[in-house]
Amino acid sequence: MTGSLTILQPGHSVVTDLGRTKGPAYGLPVNGALDQFSAKAANILAGNEDNEPLLELTALDFRMRATTDLLIAVTGAPLDLTVGGRACPQWEPVSVRAGEVVAVRGIRTGLRAYIAVHGSFTVPSLLGSCAPDTVVGFGLKLVEGFRLETRKTTAPITQPHFGLPLFRLGLTKPDFTSHPVIDVTDGPDVAEFGDTANLLFTTKYTVSPRSNHIGLRLGGALPERQLTSEVLSRGVPVGAIEVPSREELLVLHRGRGVTAGYPVLGVVTSRSLDLLAQARPGHTVTFRKTSVAEATATYRAACLELDRLRSTVQTVFALLGIGAGERWHELTPASGA
């Protein structure tokens, strides 16, 4: 049975997923959720596949009304979440009854939050992804009154006594800070910066207000390229650290173009890209050198954490009858209570 929700206060929100992996082959950015760990966790907590469409909120308050019973999960930066006026936890599944308003207020420390709905949404896709792309003008524009169709409804799961939490799923939440430490591997052009390359690891950089999903602009002491030859345009990875001018450092994020002609000093690791997705203007960033092997081990550890969460959620949801036929949704009071 399908459901829906209505946007009451869009703030700065989009419907997205993990990105357009087929895009770069056609000259399009990969785009998708900037904090991939939080986005995956939201979908897993809502009983979805990792890559299902979900909402990405950036900085501003957001409200929506459920027109049918839903199950949601909210992850990402710390915030105040209420459902029908009740304070609810992040990083856990939360039931929403038809007619209740879900409100996200006061996103803090970090910059972005994610709302996944059990069953996800029915939305347009391009090259296998619903992620917005400003280059080709693709993506849903969420405005007040916009109605999003969900693929499922989920009867409320309630704990009728004491206000006890419904779930304790054991996920270790990421640390959110205004002074993130970002792991970096050597870029292909690091040797061209000579001894000045070490400035990357001894300088505190400040996030510029001009930063966006294409790249973060960082102010601070800049390494200087020692060569004067032209740099040919070539493919660049997400996470490339470029030195395009004497004014600022540029870290390319998921909205980056697939080619560039600036020297690449380093490459931010996958897990640290999630941290950069939460960096606000004015936050200070410190870079830390790491190896490809260490970066791979850190990424695998995060994947294992999500795998354990997925297994736990699947077990709990199977007992509750979510996604596997109706079993029970409300804890029955003890006899005589």
C-alpha atoms as a PDB file:
ATOM      1  CA  MET A   1       0.000   0.000   0.000  1.00  0.00           C
ATOM      2  CA  THR A   2       1.449   3.330  -1.053  1.00  0.00           C
ATOM      3  CA  GLY A   3       1.540   6.487   1.041  1.00  0.00           C
ATOM      4  CA  SER A   4       2.621  10.085   0.805  1.00  0.00           C
ATOM      5  CA  LEU A   5       3.927  13.133   2.610  1.00  0.00           C
ATOM      6  CA  THR A   6       3.506  16.861   2.022  1.00  0.00           C
ATOM      7  CA  ILE A   7       6.319  19.399   2.300  1.00  0.00           C
ATOM      8  CA  LEU A   8       5.360  22.242   4.657  1.00  0.00           C
ATOM      9  CA  GLN A   9       8.731  23.993   5.038  1.00  0.00           C
ATOM     10  CA  PRO A  10      11.295  22.913   2.460  1.00  0.00           C
ATOM     11  CA  GLY A  11      14.278  24.847   3.813  1.00  0.00           C
ATOM     12  CA  HIS A  12      17.113  23.777   1.550  1.00  0.00           C
ATOM     13  CA  SER A  13      16.211  20.151   0.807  1.00  0.00           C
ATOM     14  CA  VAL A  14      16.518  17.783  -2.138  1.00  0.00           C
ATOM     15  CA  VAL A  15      15.615  14.219  -2.973  1.00  0.00           C
ATOM     16  CA  THR A  16      18.805  12.308  -3.702  1.00  0.00           C
ATOM     17  CA  ASP A  17      20.519   8.917  -3.444  1.00  0.00           C
ATOM     18  CA  LEU A  18      24.133   7.707  -3.453  1.00  0.00           C
ATOM     19  CA  GLY A  19      24.866   9.236  -6.833  1.00  0.00           C
ATOM     20  CA  ARG A  20      25.032   8.772 -10.557  1.00  0.00           C
ATOM     21  CA  THR A  21      27.804   6.224 -11.010  1.00  0.00           C
ATOM     22  CA  LYS A  22      27.135   6.117 -14.761  1.00  0.00           C
ATOM     23  CA  GLY A  23      27.398   9.906 -15.023  1.00  0.00           C
ATOM     24  CA  PRO A  24      31.175  10.435 -15.391  1.00  0.00           C
ATOM     25  CA  ALA A  25      31.270   8.241 -18.496  1.00  0.00           C
ATOM     26  CA  TYR A  26      28.912  10.773 -20.093  1.00  0.00           C
ATOM     27  CA  GLY A  27      30.671  13.843 -18.695  1.00  0.00           C
ATOM     28  CA  LEU A  28      28.245  14.311 -15.796  1.00  0.00           C
ATOM     29  CA  PRO A  29      29.217  14.618 -12.122  1.00  0.00           C
ATOM     30  CA  VAL A  30      28.394  11.720  -9.825  1.00  0.00           C
ATOM     31  CA  ASN A  31      26.532  14.001  -7.359  1.00  0.00           C
ATOM     32  CA  GLY A  32      24.372  12.254  -4.739  1.00  0.00           C
ATOM     33  CA  ALA A  33      24.394  12.523  -0.947  1.00  0.00           C
ATOM     34  CA  LEU A  34      27.488  14.358   0.238  1.00  0.00           C
ATOM     35  CA  ASP A  35      27.680  12.489   3.564  1.00  0.00           C
ATOM     36  CA  GLN A  36      27.452   8.967   2.196  1.00  0.00           C
ATOM     37  CA  PHE A  37      27.782   7.217   5.575  1.00  0.00           C
ATOM     38  CA  SER A  38      24.848   9.114   7.095  1.00  0.00           C
ATOM     39  CA  ALA A  39      22.732   8.586   3.969  1.00  0.00           C
ATOM     40  CA  LYS A  40      23.392   4.842   3.923  1.00  0.00           C
ATOM     41  CA  ALA A  41      22.676   4.582   7.652  1.00  0.00           C
ATOM     42  CA  ALA A  42      19.351   6.427   7.251  1.00  0.00           C
ATOM     43  CA  ASN A  43      18.177   4.027   4.565  1.00  0.00           C
ATOM     44  CA  ILE A  44      19.323   0.971   6.515  1.00  0.00           C
ATOM     45  CA  LEU A  45      17.551   2.202   9.664  1.00  0.00           C
ATOM     46  CA  ALA A  46      14.388   2.682   7.611  1.00  0.00           C
ATOM     47  CA  GLY A  47      14.612  -0.853   6.228  1.00  0.00           C
ATOM     48  CA  ASN A  48      15.584   0.220   2.699  1.00  0.00           C
ATOM     49  CA  GLU A  49      18.368  -0.694   0.329  1.00  0.00           C
ATOM     50  CA  ASP A  50      21.383   1.613   0.694  1.00  0.00           C
ATOM     51  CA  ASN A  51      20.804   3.441  -2.583  1.00  0.00           C
ATOM     52  CA  GLU A  52      17.095   4.264  -2.271  1.00  0.00           C
ATOM     53  CA  PRO A  53      16.000   7.907  -2.712  1.00  0.00           C
ATOM     54  CA  LEU A  54      15.927   9.946   0.512  1.00  0.00           C
ATOM     55  CA  LEU A  55      15.867  13.574   1.631  1.00  0.00           C
ATOM     56  CA  GLU A  56      19.049  15.583   2.146  1.00  0.00           C
ATOM     57  CA  LEU A  57      18.612  18.719   4.280  1.00  0.00           C
ATOM     58  CA  THR A  58      21.256  21.442   4.329  1.00  0.00           C
ATOM     59  CA  ALA A  59      21.488  23.879   7.258  1.00  0.00           C
ATOM     60  CA  LEU A  60      17.885  25.141   7.335  1.00  0.00           C
ATOM     61  CA  ASP A  61      14.821  23.963   9.270  1.00  0.00           C
ATOM     62  CA  PHE A  62      12.431  21.561   7.559  1.00  0.00           C
ATOM     63  CA  ARG A  63       8.853  20.339   8.107  1.00  0.00           C
ATOM     64  CA  MET A  64       6.653  17.771   6.382  1.00  0.00           C
ATOM     65  CA  ARG A  65       3.250  16.209   7.113  1.00  0.00           C
ATOM     66  CA  ALA A  66       2.547  12.515   6.674  1.00  0.00           C
ATOM     67  CA  THR A  67      -0.770  11.838   4.972  1.00  0.00           C
ATOM     68  CA  THR A  68      -0.437   8.127   5.782  1.00  0.00           C
ATOM     69  CA  ASP A  69       1.349   6.092   8.455  1.00  0.00           C
ATOM     70  CA  LEU A  70       5.106   6.051   7.802  1.00  0.00           C
ATOM     71  CA  LEU A  71       8.332   4.793   9.323  1.00  0.00           C
ATOM     72  CA  ILE A  72      11.293   7.183   9.066  1.00  0.00           C
ATOM     73  CA  ALA A  73      14.907   7.493  10.189  1.00  0.00           C
ATOM     74  CA  VAL A  74      16.853  10.741  10.538  1.00  0.00           C
ATOM     75  CA  THR A  75      20.665  10.789  10.562  1.00  0.00           C
ATOM     76  CA  GLY A  76      23.464  13.258   9.920  1.00  0.00           C
ATOM     77  CA  ALA A  77      24.358  16.345  11.948  1.00  0.00           C
ATOM     78  CA  PRO A  78      22.903  16.816  15.444  1.00  0.00           C
ATOM     79  CA  LEU A  79      19.470  18.462  15.387  1.00  0.00           C
ATOM     80  CA  ASP A  80      16.090  18.664  17.129  1.00  0.00           C
ATOM     81  CA  LEU A  81      13.575  16.159  15.724  1.00  0.00           C
ATOM     82  CA  THR A  82       9.896  16.191  16.645  1.00  0.00           C
ATOM     83  CA  VAL A  83       7.033  14.053  15.355  1.00  0.00           C
ATOM     84  CA  GLY A  84       3.565  15.307  16.195  1.00  0.00           C
ATOM     85  CA  GLY A  85       5.219  17.626  18.705  1.00  0.00           C
ATOM     86  CA  ARG A  86       7.008  14.762  20.491  1.00  0.00           C
ATOM     87  CA  ALA A  87      10.801  14.833  20.762  1.00  0.00           C
ATOM     88  CA  CYS A  88      12.257  11.830  18.919  1.00  0.00           C
ATOM     89  CA  PRO A  89      15.760  10.404  18.577  1.00  0.00           C
ATOM     90  CA  GLN A  90      18.054  10.510  15.583  1.00  0.00           C
ATOM     91  CA  TRP A  91      19.805   7.411  14.266  1.00  0.00           C
ATOM     92  CA  GLU A  92      16.800   5.204  15.117  1.00  0.00           C
ATOM     93  CA  PRO A  93      13.614   4.166  13.293  1.00  0.00           C
ATOM     94  CA  VAL A  94      10.674   6.407  14.250  1.00  0.00           C
ATOM     95  CA  SER A  95       6.969   5.844  13.575  1.00  0.00           C
ATOM     96  CA  VAL A  96       4.874   8.670  12.141  1.00  0.00           C
ATOM     97  CA  ARG A  97       1.091   8.512  12.212  1.00  0.00           C
ATOM     98  CA  ALA A  98      -1.085   9.887   9.427  1.00  0.00           C
ATOM     99  CA  GLY A  99      -1.560  13.624   9.904  1.00  0.00           C
ATOM    100  CA  GLU A 100       1.491  14.134  12.122  1.00  0.00           C
ATOM    101  CA  VAL A 101       4.085  16.768  11.298  1.00  0.00           C
ATOM    102  CA  VAL A 102       7.763  15.829  11.217  1.00  0.00           C
ATOM    103  CA  ALA A 103       9.921  18.833  12.099  1.00  0.00           C
ATOM    104  CA  VAL A 104      13.701  19.154  11.901  1.00  0.00           C
ATOM    105  CA  ARG A 105      15.092  22.239  13.617  1.00  0.00           C
ATOM    106  CA  GLY A 106      18.431  23.550  14.753  1.00  0.00           C
ATOM    107  CA  ILE A 107      20.879  21.567  12.610  1.00  0.00           C
ATOM    108  CA  ARG A 108      24.159  22.234  14.405  1.00  0.00           C
ATOM    109  CA  THR A 109      27.839  21.329  14.535  1.00  0.00           C
ATOM    110  CA  GLY A 110      27.459  19.711  11.135  1.00  0.00           C
ATOM    111  CA  LEU A 111      25.659  20.994   8.036  1.00  0.00           C
ATOM    112  CA  ARG A 112      23.535  18.188   6.581  1.00  0.00           C
ATOM    113  CA  ALA A 113      20.864  15.742   7.737  1.00  0.00           C
ATOM    114  CA  TYR A 114      19.120  12.853   6.002  1.00  0.00           C
ATOM    115  CA  ILE A 115      15.534  11.590   6.222  1.00  0.00           C
ATOM    116  CA  ALA A 116      14.766   8.128   4.872  1.00  0.00           C
ATOM    117  CA  VAL A 117      11.226   6.734   4.676  1.00  0.00           C
ATOM    118  CA  HIS A 118      10.506   3.001   4.731  1.00  0.00           C
ATOM    119  CA  GLY A 119       9.701   2.044   1.140  1.00  0.00           C
ATOM    120  CA  SER A 120      11.347   5.238  -0.167  1.00  0.00           C
ATOM    121  CA  PHE A 121       9.829   7.521  -2.817  1.00  0.00           C
ATOM    122  CA  THR A 122       8.596   7.243  -6.377  1.00  0.00           C
ATOM    123  CA  VAL A 123      10.672   9.881  -8.187  1.00  0.00           C
ATOM    124  CA  PRO A 124      12.183  10.444 -11.661  1.00  0.00           C
ATOM    125  CA  SER A 125      15.682   9.132 -12.383  1.00  0.00           C
ATOM    126  CA  LEU A 126      18.455   9.943 -14.847  1.00  0.00           C
ATOM    127  CA  LEU A 127      21.062   7.311 -15.723  1.00  0.00           C
ATOM    128  CA  GLY A 128      19.851   5.218 -12.798  1.00  0.00           C
ATOM    129  CA  SER A 129      19.901   7.975 -10.154  1.00  0.00           C
ATOM    130  CA  CYS A 130      17.494  10.589  -8.805  1.00  0.00           C
ATOM    131  CA  ALA A 131      20.392  12.810  -7.626  1.00  0.00           C
ATOM    132  CA  PRO A 132      19.942  16.446  -8.725  1.00  0.00           C
ATOM    133  CA  ASP A 133      22.293  17.757 -11.407  1.00  0.00           C
ATOM    134  CA  THR A 134      22.490  21.522 -11.828  1.00  0.00           C
ATOM    135  CA  VAL A 135      24.463  21.187 -15.079  1.00  0.00           C
ATOM    136  CA  VAL A 136      21.577  19.557 -16.981  1.00  0.00           C
ATOM    137  CA  GLY A 137      18.797  20.938 -14.800  1.00  0.00           C
ATOM    138  CA  PHE A 138      17.643  17.567 -13.478  1.00  0.00           C
ATOM    139  CA  GLY A 139      16.130  16.927 -10.057  1.00  0.00           C
ATOM    140  CA  LEU A 140      13.041  17.590  -7.983  1.00  0.00           C
ATOM    141  CA  LYS A 141      12.601  21.092  -6.597  1.00  0.00           C
ATOM    142  CA  LEU A 142      10.942  20.765  -3.203  1.00  0.00           C
ATOM    143  CA  VAL A 143       8.632  23.671  -2.425  1.00  0.00           C
ATOM    144  CA  GLU A 144       5.874  24.266   0.098  1.00  0.00           C
ATOM    145  CA  GLY A 145       2.903  22.042  -0.720  1.00  0.00           C
ATOM    146  CA  PHE A 146       4.911  19.545  -2.804  1.00  0.00           C
ATOM    147  CA  ARG A 147       3.592  16.003  -2.366  1.00  0.00           C
ATOM    148  CA  LEU A 148       6.042  13.094  -2.361  1.00  0.00           C
ATOM    149  CA  GLU A 149       4.618   9.656  -3.023  1.00  0.00           C
ATOM    150  CA  THR A 150       5.998   6.848  -0.865  1.00  0.00           C
ATOM    151  CA  ARG A 151       5.946   3.241  -1.944  1.00  0.00           C
ATOM    152  CA  LYS A 152       4.708   1.833   1.370  1.00  0.00           C
ATOM    153  CA  THR A 153       2.802   2.681   4.509  1.00  0.00           C
ATOM    154  CA  THR A 154       3.878   1.270   7.857  1.00  0.00           C
ATOM    155  CA  ALA A 155       1.520   0.873  10.795  1.00  0.00           C
ATOM    156  CA  PRO A 156       2.832   2.617  13.940  1.00  0.00           C
ATOM    157  CA  ILE A 157       5.170   0.675  16.188  1.00  0.00           C
ATOM    158  CA  THR A 158       4.412   1.792  19.716  1.00  0.00           C
ATOM    159  CA  GLN A 159       5.627   1.174  23.248  1.00  0.00           C
ATOM    160  CA  PRO A 160       2.518   1.817  25.342  1.00  0.00           C
ATOM    161  CA  HIS A 161       4.233   2.155  28.732  1.00  0.00           C
ATOM    162  CA  PHE A 162       6.881   4.362  30.331  1.00  0.00           C
ATOM    163  CA  GLY A 163       8.014   6.042  27.101  1.00  0.00           C
ATOM    164  CA  LEU A 164      10.812   3.512  26.722  1.00  0.00           C
ATOM    165  CA  PRO A 165      12.853   3.712  23.507  1.00  0.00           C
ATOM    166  CA  LEU A 166      11.705   1.268  20.867  1.00  0.00           C
ATOM    167  CA  PHE A 167      15.122   0.488  19.438  1.00  0.00           C
ATOM    168  CA  ARG A 168      18.685   0.143  20.643  1.00  0.00           C
ATOM    169  CA  LEU A 169      20.444  -0.963  17.487  1.00  0.00           C
ATOM    170  CA  GLY A 170      24.042  -0.433  18.557  1.00  0.00           C
ATOM    171  CA  LEU A 171      25.253   1.885  15.801  1.00  0.00           C
ATOM    172  CA  THR A 172      28.275   4.002  16.687  1.00  0.00           C
ATOM    173  CA  LYS A 173      27.307   7.500  15.589  1.00  0.00           C
ATOM    174  CA  PRO A 174      29.956   9.574  13.805  1.00  0.00           C
ATOM    175  CA  ASP A 175      31.589  12.403  15.722  1.00  0.00           C
ATOM    176  CA  PHE A 176      30.592  15.843  14.480  1.00  0.00           C
ATOM    177  CA  THR A 177      32.973  18.702  15.179  1.00  0.00           C
ATOM    178  CA  SER A 178      33.741  22.220  14.004  1.00  0.00           C
ATOM    179  CA  HIS A 179      37.432  21.233  13.695  1.00  0.00           C
ATOM    180  CA  PRO A 180      37.467  18.053  11.553  1.00  0.00           C
ATOM    181  CA  VAL A 181      40.707  16.200  10.859  1.00  0.00           C
ATOM    182  CA  ILE A 182      40.712  15.101   7.220  1.00  0.00           C
ATOM    183  CA  ASP A 183      42.759  12.158   5.960  1.00  0.00           C
ATOM    184  CA  VAL A 184      44.570  12.664   2.658  1.00  0.00           C
ATOM    185  CA  THR A 185      46.618  10.441   0.369  1.00  0.00           C
ATOM    186  CA  ASP A 186      49.279  11.799  -2.001  1.00  0.00           C
ATOM    187  CA  GLY A 187      48.002  13.229  -5.252  1.00  0.00           C
ATOM    188  CA  PRO A 188      49.602  12.642  -8.661  1.00  0.00           C
ATOM    189  CA  ASP A 189      51.278  16.070  -8.638  1.00  0.00           C
ATOM    190  CA  VAL A 190      52.553  16.218  -5.049  1.00  0.00           C
ATOM    191  CA  ALA A 191      56.215  16.189  -6.160  1.00  0.00           C
ATOM    192  CA  GLU A 192      55.657  19.381  -8.169  1.00  0.00           C
ATOM    193  CA  PHE A 193      55.104  21.341  -4.930  1.00  0.00           C
ATOM    194  CA  GLY A 194      58.515  20.489  -3.478  1.00  0.00           C
ATOM    195  CA  ASP A 195      58.987  21.242   0.221  1.00  0.00           C
ATOM    196  CA  THR A 196      55.917  23.509   0.283  1.00  0.00           C
ATOM    197  CA  ALA A 197      53.669  20.431  -0.003  1.00  0.00           C
ATOM    198  CA  ASN A 198      54.080  19.920   3.745  1.00  0.00           C
ATOM    199  CA  LEU A 199      52.135  23.150   4.375  1.00  0.00           C
ATOM    200  CA  LEU A 200      48.997  21.108   3.715  1.00  0.00           C
ATOM    201  CA  PHE A 201      49.587  19.204   6.960  1.00  0.00           C
ATOM    202  CA  THR A 202      50.851  22.047   9.158  1.00  0.00           C
ATOM    203  CA  THR A 203      48.175  24.648   8.368  1.00  0.00           C
ATOM    204  CA  LYS A 204      44.670  25.081   9.751  1.00  0.00           C
ATOM    205  CA  TYR A 205      42.365  25.961   6.870  1.00  0.00           C
ATOM    206  CA  THR A 206      39.083  27.859   7.200  1.00  0.00           C
ATOM    207  CA  VAL A 207      36.014  26.825   5.194  1.00  0.00           C
ATOM    208  CA  SER A 208      34.838  29.637   2.920  1.00  0.00           C
ATOM    209  CA  PRO A 209      31.159  30.649   2.514  1.00  0.00           C
ATOM    210  CA  ARG A 210      31.690  30.113  -1.223  1.00  0.00           C
ATOM    211  CA  SER A 211      31.907  26.352  -0.658  1.00  0.00           C
ATOM    212  CA  ASN A 212      29.177  24.130  -2.105  1.00  0.00           C
ATOM    213  CA  HIS A 213      28.479  20.591  -3.347  1.00  0.00           C
ATOM    214  CA  ILE A 214      30.965  21.098  -6.194  1.00  0.00           C
ATOM    215  CA  GLY A 215      33.871  21.808  -3.890  1.00  0.00           C
ATOM    216  CA  LEU A 216      35.023  23.283  -0.604  1.00  0.00           C
ATOM    217  CA  ARG A 217      37.110  26.429  -0.757  1.00  0.00           C
ATOM    218  CA  LEU A 218      39.601  26.745   2.085  1.00  0.00           C
ATOM    219  CA  GLY A 219      41.633  29.739   3.189  1.00  0.00           C
ATOM    220  CA  GLY A 220      45.110  29.394   4.707  1.00  0.00           C
ATOM    221  CA  ALA A 221      48.782  29.019   3.824  1.00  0.00           C
ATOM    222  CA  LEU A 222      48.994  27.478   0.356  1.00  0.00           C
ATOM    223  CA  PRO A 223      51.591  25.107  -1.089  1.00  0.00           C
ATOM    224  CA  GLU A 224      53.138  26.491  -4.279  1.00  0.00           C
ATOM    225  CA  ARG A 225      53.778  24.587  -7.462  1.00  0.00           C
ATOM    226  CA  GLN A 226      57.467  24.837  -8.343  1.00  0.00           C
ATOM    227  CA  LEU A 227      56.994  24.267 -12.076  1.00  0.00           C
ATOM    228  CA  THR A 228      55.800  26.793 -14.654  1.00  0.00           C
ATOM    229  CA  SER A 229      54.677  24.333 -17.345  1.00  0.00           C
ATOM    230  CA  GLU A 230      51.003  24.072 -18.275  1.00  0.00           C
ATOM    231  CA  VAL A 231      48.855  21.412 -16.615  1.00  0.00           C
ATOM    232  CA  LEU A 232      46.778  19.567 -19.199  1.00  0.00           C
ATOM    233  CA  SER A 233      43.107  18.994 -18.481  1.00  0.00           C
ATOM    234  CA  ARG A 234      42.476  15.406 -17.363  1.00  0.00           C
ATOM    235  CA  GLY A 235      40.121  13.319 -15.288  1.00  0.00           C
ATOM    236  CA  VAL A 236      40.046  14.157 -11.587  1.00  0.00           C
ATOM    237  CA  PRO A 237      38.599  12.071  -8.745  1.00  0.00           C
ATOM    238  CA  VAL A 238      36.076  13.173  -6.161  1.00  0.00           C
ATOM    239  CA  GLY A 239      38.181  14.379  -3.228  1.00  0.00           C
ATOM    240  CA  ALA A 240      40.985  15.890  -5.334  1.00  0.00           C
ATOM    241  CA  ILE A 241      42.785  18.755  -3.552  1.00  0.00           C
ATOM    242  CA  GLU A 242      43.681  21.406  -6.097  1.00  0.00           C
ATOM    243  CA  VAL A 243      45.609  24.662  -5.825  1.00  0.00           C
ATOM    244  CA  PRO A 244      43.899  26.768  -8.514  1.00  0.00           C
ATOM    245  CA  SER A 245      45.210  30.164  -7.359  1.00  0.00           C
ATOM    246  CA  ARG A 246      47.177  31.892  -4.626  1.00  0.00           C
ATOM    247  CA  GLU A 247      43.987  32.682  -2.717  1.00  0.00           C
ATOM    248  CA  GLU A 248      42.535  29.360  -1.603  1.00  0.00           C
ATOM    249  CA  LEU A 249      42.670  25.598  -1.635  1.00  0.00           C
ATOM    250  CA  LEU A 250      39.913  23.696  -3.451  1.00  0.00           C
ATOM    251  CA  VAL A 251      38.678  20.238  -2.430  1.00  0.00           C
ATOM    252  CA  LEU A 252      36.461  18.769  -5.142  1.00  0.00           C
ATOM    253  CA  HIS A 253      33.314  17.063  -3.856  1.00  0.00           C
ATOM    254  CA  ARG A 254      30.602  14.979  -5.493  1.00  0.00           C
ATOM    255  CA  GLY A 255      29.303  17.740  -7.754  1.00  0.00           C
ATOM    256  CA  ARG A 256      32.712  18.298  -9.330  1.00  0.00           C
ATOM    257  CA  GLY A 257      33.225  18.254 -13.074  1.00  0.00           C
ATOM    258  CA  VAL A 258      34.957  15.142 -14.343  1.00  0.00           C
ATOM    259  CA  THR A 259      37.977  16.988 -15.776  1.00  0.00           C
ATOM    260  CA  ALA A 260      40.175  19.847 -14.565  1.00  0.00           C
ATOM    261  CA  GLY A 261      43.475  21.511 -15.407  1.00  0.00           C
ATOM    262  CA  TYR A 262      44.901  22.342 -11.976  1.00  0.00           C
ATOM    263  CA  PRO A 263      47.643  20.409 -10.158  1.00  0.00           C
ATOM    264  CA  VAL A 264      46.308  17.816  -7.705  1.00  0.00           C
ATOM    265  CA  LEU A 265      48.235  17.951  -4.450  1.00  0.00           C
ATOM    266  CA  GLY A 266      46.353  15.198  -2.607  1.00  0.00           C
ATOM    267  CA  VAL A 267      43.130  13.182  -2.517  1.00  0.00           C
ATOM    268  CA  VAL A 268      40.741  13.146   0.448  1.00  0.00           C
ATOM    269  CA  THR A 269      39.742   9.637   1.556  1.00  0.00           C
ATOM    270  CA  SER A 270      36.168   8.376   1.201  1.00  0.00           C
ATOM    271  CA  ARG A 271      35.374   8.534   4.924  1.00  0.00           C
ATOM    272  CA  SER A 272      36.876  11.988   5.286  1.00  0.00           C
ATOM    273  CA  LEU A 273      34.743  13.235   2.394  1.00  0.00           C
ATOM    274  CA  ASP A 274      31.757  12.476   4.643  1.00  0.00           C
ATOM    275  CA  LEU A 275      33.309  14.702   7.322  1.00  0.00           C
ATOM    276  CA  LEU A 276      33.875  17.497   4.808  1.00  0.00           C
ATOM    277  CA  ALA A 277      30.213  17.241   3.801  1.00  0.00           C
ATOM    278  CA  GLN A 278      29.399  18.392   7.342  1.00  0.00           C
ATOM    279  CA  ALA A 279      31.881  21.307   7.407  1.00  0.00           C
ATOM    280  CA  ARG A 280      30.227  24.699   7.781  1.00  0.00           C
ATOM    281  CA  PRO A 281      31.638  28.041   6.636  1.00  0.00           C
ATOM    282  CA  GLY A 282      33.995  29.208   9.382  1.00  0.00           C
ATOM    283  CA  HIS A 283      34.889  25.684  10.519  1.00  0.00           C
ATOM    284  CA  THR A 284      38.615  24.933  10.573  1.00  0.00           C
ATOM    285  CA  VAL A 285      39.999  21.902   8.765  1.00  0.00           C
ATOM    286  CA  THR A 286      43.269  20.115   9.506  1.00  0.00           C
ATOM    287  CA  PHE A 287      44.661  17.656   6.968  1.00  0.00           C
ATOM    288  CA  ARG A 288      46.447  14.469   8.030  1.00  0.00           C
ATOM    289  CA  LYS A 289      48.556  12.341   5.724  1.00  0.00           C
ATOM    290  CA  THR A 290      47.591   8.691   5.354  1.00  0.00           C
ATOM    291  CA  SER A 291      48.329   5.791   3.033  1.00  0.00           C
ATOM    292  CA  VAL A 292      46.017   4.111   0.555  1.00  0.00           C
ATOM    293  CA  ALA A 293      46.160   0.944   2.678  1.00  0.00           C
ATOM    294  CA  GLU A 294      45.119   2.830   5.831  1.00  0.00           C
ATOM    295  CA  ALA A 295      42.355   4.652   3.968  1.00  0.00           C
ATOM    296  CA  THR A 296      41.063   1.357   2.598  1.00  0.00           C
ATOM    297  CA  ALA A 297      41.059  -0.219   6.066  1.00  0.00           C
ATOM    298  CA  THR A 298      39.091   2.729   7.498  1.00  0.00           C
ATOM    299  CA  TYR A 299      36.547   2.527   4.701  1.00  0.00           C
ATOM    300  CA  ARG A 300      36.133  -1.221   5.154  1.00  0.00           C
ATOM    301  CA  ALA A 301      35.599  -0.746   8.894  1.00  0.00           C
ATOM    302  CA  ALA A 302      32.780   1.705   8.151  1.00  0.00           C
ATOM    303  CA  CYS A 303      31.252  -0.770   5.693  1.00  0.00           C
ATOM    304  CA  LEU A 304      31.383  -3.521   8.335  1.00  0.00           C
ATOM    305  CA  GLU A 305      29.678  -1.195  10.816  1.00  0.00           C
ATOM    306  CA  LEU A 306      26.848  -0.640   8.350  1.00  0.00           C
ATOM    307  CA  ASP A 307      26.680  -4.371   7.553  1.00  0.00           C
ATOM    308  CA  ARG A 308      26.203  -5.152  11.246  1.00  0.00           C
ATOM    309  CA  LEU A 309      23.504  -2.500  11.486  1.00  0.00           C
ATOM    310  CA  ARG A 310      21.760  -3.911   8.415  1.00  0.00           C
ATOM    311  CA  SER A 311      21.741  -7.412   9.890  1.00  0.00           C
ATOM    312  CA  THR A 312      20.322  -6.156  13.200  1.00  0.00           C
ATOM    313  CA  VAL A 313      17.639  -4.054  11.516  1.00  0.00           C
ATOM    314  CA  GLN A 314      16.584  -6.932   9.266  1.00  0.00           C
ATOM    315  CA  THR A 315      16.224  -9.225  12.289  1.00  0.00           C
ATOM    316  CA  VAL A 316      14.220  -6.699  14.303  1.00  0.00           C
ATOM    317  CA  PHE A 317      12.018  -5.675  11.368  1.00  0.00           C
ATOM    318  CA  ALA A 318      11.303  -9.321  10.521  1.00  0.00           C
ATOM    319  CA  LEU A 319      10.025  -9.836  14.084  1.00  0.00           C
ATOM    320  CA  LEU A 320       7.887  -6.705  13.753  1.00  0.00           C
ATOM    321  CA  GLY A 321       6.529  -7.799  10.396  1.00  0.00           C
ATOM    322  CA  ILE A 322       7.977  -4.840   8.548  1.00  0.00           C
ATOM    323  CA  GLY A 323       8.632  -5.796   4.969  1.00  0.00           C
ATOM    324  CA  ALA A 324       7.726  -9.415   5.630  1.00  0.00           C
ATOM    325  CA  GLY A 325       3.982  -9.469   6.261  1.00  0.00           C
ATOM    326  CA  GLU A 326       2.088  -8.371   9.326  1.00  0.00           C
ATOM    327  CA  ARG A 327       3.071  -9.908  12.672  1.00  0.00           C
ATOM    328  CA  TRP A 328       2.804  -7.370  15.485  1.00  0.00           C
ATOM    329  CA  HIS A 329       3.247  -3.644  15.792  1.00  0.00           C
ATOM    330  CA  GLU A 330       2.287  -2.828  19.358  1.00  0.00           C
ATOM    331  CA  LEU A 331       3.696  -4.283  22.550  1.00  0.00           C
ATOM    332  CA  THR A 332       0.799  -5.942  24.371  1.00  0.00           C
ATOM    333  CA  PRO A 333       0.409  -4.842  28.016  1.00  0.00           C
ATOM    334  CA  ALA A 334       0.979  -7.599  30.535  1.00  0.00           C
ATOM    335  CA  SER A 335      -2.131  -9.381  31.837  1.00  0.00           C
ATOM    336  CA  GLY A 336      -3.838  -7.356  34.533  1.00  0.00           C
ATOM    337  CA  ALA A 337      -1.875  -4.168  33.742  1.00  0.00           C
END
